[in-house]
Amino acid sequence: SGLVVSKLCLGTMAFGNSCDEKESHRIMDAALDAGINFFDTAWGYTNRDNQRVVGKAIHDFRDKVYLSSKLPPSEVQQPGDFRRKLEHSLKLMDTDYIDFYHMHALNAQKFDHAKKMQMDKDMLKAKEEGLIRHISFSFHDAPKVMVDIADHGIFDTLLCQYNLIDQSNEEVMALLADRGMGIMVMGPIAGGM
């Protein structure tokens, strides 16, 4: 992507639920003070309240951070769904753009559905309009499928599992990085294991 993000991202999946809003904001402020400039949320986290909590917390320093969010293809069932949900997310987060917007939790079947619903075309249009800065996907399938999805040609970055316990994506991550794709990892401590 050409962007310089902190080596660690603050994932916010629990914010607004098991971590209340006040504590969520305290953690995000502390992360920013520690040099973390990359925050990750998603459409479905904490019953969709997560994006509002994150947006409110970063409102005063939005220009200093990179914001990542995601939408599962299952949320797109008819024309117009993608755009409505993107605009709703932007409103919830009180921002004009999302730095990294992911097709969330892709596998081969979910990606086929996304293409059928023209989610790829809708994401490209949103990128052209400046609502999305980088088109991304988060991934949960066999490594070969990651290459097949990346070969679709619209993605700037990807987010996949990688840690000391699960290194199955390592070879494909290196291949796609050599092709110029930005690579982000999730689960770096294998969910605390």
Protein backbone atom coordinates (compact mmCIF):
# COMPACT_ATOMS: atom_id res chain seq x y z
CA SER A 1 0.00 0.00 0.00
CA GLY A 2 2.97 2.33 0.52
CA LEU A 3 1.60 3.32 3.93
CA VAL A 4 3.67 3.12 7.08
CA VAL A 5 1.56 1.56 9.79
CA SER A 6 2.65 0.54 13.26
CA LYS A 7 3.94 -3.01 13.60
CA LEU A 8 1.03 -3.74 15.90
CA CYS A 9 -2.60 -3.01 15.18
CA LEU A 10 -5.17 -2.60 17.89
CA GLY A 11 -7.98 -5.05 17.19
CA THR A 12 -11.19 -3.84 18.79
CA MET A 13 -13.48 -6.88 18.54
CA ALA A 14 -14.42 -6.77 22.25
CA PHE A 15 -14.91 -3.00 22.46
CA GLY A 16 -18.44 -1.99 23.36
CA ASN A 17 -19.23 -5.43 24.76
CA SER A 18 -16.96 -7.24 27.23
CA CYS A 19 -14.92 -4.03 27.30
CA ASP A 20 -17.22 -1.08 28.01
CA GLU A 21 -17.08 2.15 26.04
CA LYS A 22 -15.13 4.17 28.61
CA GLU A 23 -12.49 1.45 28.98
CA SER A 24 -12.38 0.99 25.19
CA HIS A 25 -11.58 4.67 24.74
CA ARG A 26 -8.91 4.53 27.47
CA ILE A 27 -7.24 1.58 25.73
CA MET A 28 -7.33 3.31 22.33
CA ASP A 29 -5.81 6.49 23.79
CA ALA A 30 -3.06 4.42 25.45
CA ALA A 31 -2.41 2.57 22.17
CA LEU A 32 -2.03 5.85 20.30
CA ASP A 33 0.32 7.18 23.00
CA ALA A 34 2.39 3.99 22.61
CA GLY A 35 2.79 4.58 18.86
CA ILE A 36 0.02 2.37 17.47
CA ASN A 37 -1.58 4.12 14.50
CA PHE A 38 -3.66 1.27 13.10
CA PHE A 39 -7.10 0.32 14.46
CA ASP A 40 -9.30 -2.53 13.25
CA THR A 41 -13.07 -2.94 13.55
CA ALA A 42 -15.80 -4.68 11.55
CA TRP A 43 -19.50 -4.54 10.68
CA GLY A 44 -20.58 -7.38 12.96
CA TYR A 45 -18.39 -6.82 16.02
CA THR A 46 -20.37 -6.43 19.26
CA ASN A 47 -23.76 -6.34 17.57
CA ARG A 48 -22.60 -3.60 15.20
CA ASP A 49 -21.98 -1.14 18.04
CA ASN A 50 -18.23 -1.61 17.77
CA GLN A 51 -17.84 0.76 14.84
CA ARG A 52 -19.60 3.55 16.74
CA VAL A 53 -17.38 3.01 19.80
CA VAL A 54 -14.22 3.04 17.68
CA GLY A 55 -15.32 6.06 15.64
CA LYS A 56 -16.09 8.06 18.75
CA ALA A 57 -12.73 7.16 20.30
CA ILE A 58 -10.65 8.19 17.27
CA HIS A 59 -12.71 11.24 16.31
CA ASP A 60 -10.21 13.75 17.69
CA PHE A 61 -7.20 12.07 16.04
CA ARG A 62 -8.70 10.53 12.89
CA ASP A 63 -6.02 12.12 10.70
CA LYS A 64 -3.27 10.40 12.74
CA VAL A 65 -4.53 6.83 12.42
CA TYR A 66 -5.32 4.21 9.82
CA LEU A 67 -8.75 2.66 10.17
CA SER A 68 -9.55 -0.85 9.01
CA SER A 69 -13.07 -2.25 8.79
CA LYS A 70 -14.78 -5.21 7.20
CA LEU A 71 -18.07 -6.34 5.71
CA PRO A 72 -18.92 -10.02 5.25
CA PRO A 73 -20.28 -10.92 1.80
CA SER A 74 -23.25 -12.57 3.54
CA GLU A 75 -24.49 -9.06 4.40
CA VAL A 76 -24.83 -8.29 0.68
CA GLN A 77 -27.92 -10.03 -0.64
CA GLN A 78 -29.18 -7.63 -3.31
CA PRO A 79 -28.01 -4.63 -5.34
CA GLY A 80 -27.46 -1.60 -3.15
CA ASP A 81 -26.77 -3.54 0.06
CA PHE A 82 -23.03 -2.94 -0.10
CA ARG A 83 -23.38 0.81 -0.56
CA ARG A 84 -26.00 1.16 2.19
CA LYS A 85 -23.87 -0.76 4.66
CA LEU A 86 -20.69 1.10 3.74
CA GLU A 87 -22.45 4.44 4.19
CA HIS A 88 -23.92 3.25 7.50
CA SER A 89 -20.44 2.25 8.71
CA LEU A 90 -19.01 5.62 7.69
CA LYS A 91 -21.79 7.37 9.59
CA LEU A 92 -21.34 5.18 12.68
CA MET A 93 -17.59 5.89 12.71
CA ASP A 94 -18.12 9.59 11.89
CA THR A 95 -15.52 9.48 9.14
CA ASP A 96 -15.46 10.31 5.44
CA TYR A 97 -13.30 7.33 4.47
CA ILE A 98 -11.96 3.96 5.59
CA ASP A 99 -8.27 3.30 4.96
CA PHE A 100 -8.57 -0.49 4.58
CA TYR A 101 -11.98 -1.98 3.78
CA HIS A 102 -12.16 -5.78 3.71
CA MET A 103 -14.39 -8.42 2.28
CA HIS A 104 -14.58 -10.16 5.62
CA ALA A 105 -13.65 -13.78 6.42
CA LEU A 106 -13.38 -14.93 2.81
CA ASN A 107 -13.20 -18.49 1.68
CA ALA A 108 -13.86 -19.74 -1.86
CA GLN A 109 -17.64 -19.96 -1.41
CA LYS A 110 -17.99 -16.51 0.20
CA PHE A 111 -15.86 -14.93 -2.52
CA ASP A 112 -18.05 -16.50 -5.21
CA HIS A 113 -21.08 -14.98 -3.48
CA ALA A 114 -19.34 -11.57 -3.27
CA LYS A 115 -18.66 -11.61 -7.01
CA LYS A 116 -22.21 -12.72 -7.77
CA MET A 117 -23.49 -9.74 -5.74
CA GLN A 118 -20.96 -7.47 -7.57
CA MET A 119 -19.34 -6.53 -4.29
CA ASP A 120 -15.99 -6.25 -6.10
CA LYS A 121 -17.39 -3.67 -8.54
CA ASP A 122 -19.08 -1.75 -5.71
CA MET A 123 -15.80 -1.65 -3.77
CA LEU A 124 -13.93 -0.33 -6.81
CA LYS A 125 -16.54 2.41 -7.27
CA ALA A 126 -16.31 3.37 -3.59
CA LYS A 127 -12.52 3.50 -3.92
CA GLU A 128 -12.78 5.77 -6.96
CA GLU A 129 -15.03 8.06 -4.89
CA GLY A 130 -12.53 8.16 -2.02
CA LEU A 131 -14.76 6.35 0.48
CA ILE A 132 -12.29 3.45 0.62
CA ARG A 133 -8.56 4.04 0.31
CA HIS A 134 -7.46 0.38 -0.04
CA ILE A 135 -9.55 -2.66 -0.97
CA SER A 136 -8.71 -5.62 1.21
CA PHE A 137 -9.85 -9.06 2.22
CA SER A 138 -9.60 -11.08 5.39
CA PHE A 139 -9.11 -14.75 4.81
CA HIS A 140 -10.06 -18.16 6.26
CA ASP A 141 -9.40 -20.99 3.81
CA ALA A 142 -6.62 -23.06 2.23
CA PRO A 143 -3.51 -21.10 1.11
CA LYS A 144 -4.15 -21.85 -2.59
CA VAL A 145 -7.53 -20.12 -2.32
CA MET A 146 -5.77 -17.01 -0.98
CA VAL A 147 -3.82 -16.83 -4.25
CA ASP A 148 -6.97 -17.38 -6.32
CA ILE A 149 -8.72 -14.50 -4.52
CA ALA A 150 -5.69 -12.21 -4.80
CA ASP A 151 -5.47 -12.98 -8.53
CA HIS A 152 -8.90 -11.37 -8.97
CA GLY A 153 -6.88 -8.16 -9.20
CA ILE A 154 -8.83 -5.63 -7.11
CA PHE A 155 -7.13 -6.12 -3.76
CA ASP A 156 -4.38 -3.93 -2.34
CA THR A 157 -3.96 -5.77 0.96
CA LEU A 158 -4.98 -8.93 2.76
CA LEU A 159 -5.37 -10.03 6.36
CA CYS A 160 -4.71 -13.67 7.25
CA GLN A 161 -3.89 -15.96 10.16
CA TYR A 162 -0.21 -16.35 11.04
CA ASN A 163 1.48 -17.26 14.32
CA LEU A 164 3.81 -19.79 15.93
CA ILE A 165 1.08 -22.44 15.91
CA ASP A 166 -0.35 -21.83 12.42
CA GLN A 167 2.14 -20.98 9.69
CA SER A 168 0.24 -22.59 6.82
CA ASN A 169 -0.09 -19.27 4.97
CA GLU A 170 3.61 -18.34 5.14
CA GLU A 171 4.64 -19.38 1.62
CA VAL A 172 1.62 -17.70 -0.02
CA MET A 173 2.10 -14.55 2.10
CA ALA A 174 5.67 -14.26 0.77
CA LEU A 175 4.52 -14.87 -2.82
CA LEU A 176 1.83 -12.18 -2.63
CA ALA A 177 4.14 -9.73 -0.85
CA ASP A 178 6.65 -10.19 -3.70
CA ARG A 179 3.82 -9.26 -6.09
CA GLY A 180 3.32 -6.00 -4.18
CA MET A 181 0.34 -6.87 -2.01
CA GLY A 182 0.27 -5.47 1.51
CA ILE A 183 0.09 -8.27 4.07
CA MET A 184 -1.39 -7.97 7.56
CA VAL A 185 -1.64 -10.83 10.05
CA MET A 186 -4.34 -11.64 12.58
CA GLY A 187 -4.06 -13.94 15.54
CA PRO A 188 -0.32 -13.31 16.07
CA ILE A 189 -0.51 -15.00 19.48
CA ALA A 190 -3.04 -17.62 18.36
CA GLY A 191 -5.88 -16.25 20.44
CA GLY A 192 -3.72 -16.23 23.56
CA MET A 193 -2.57 -19.84 23.28
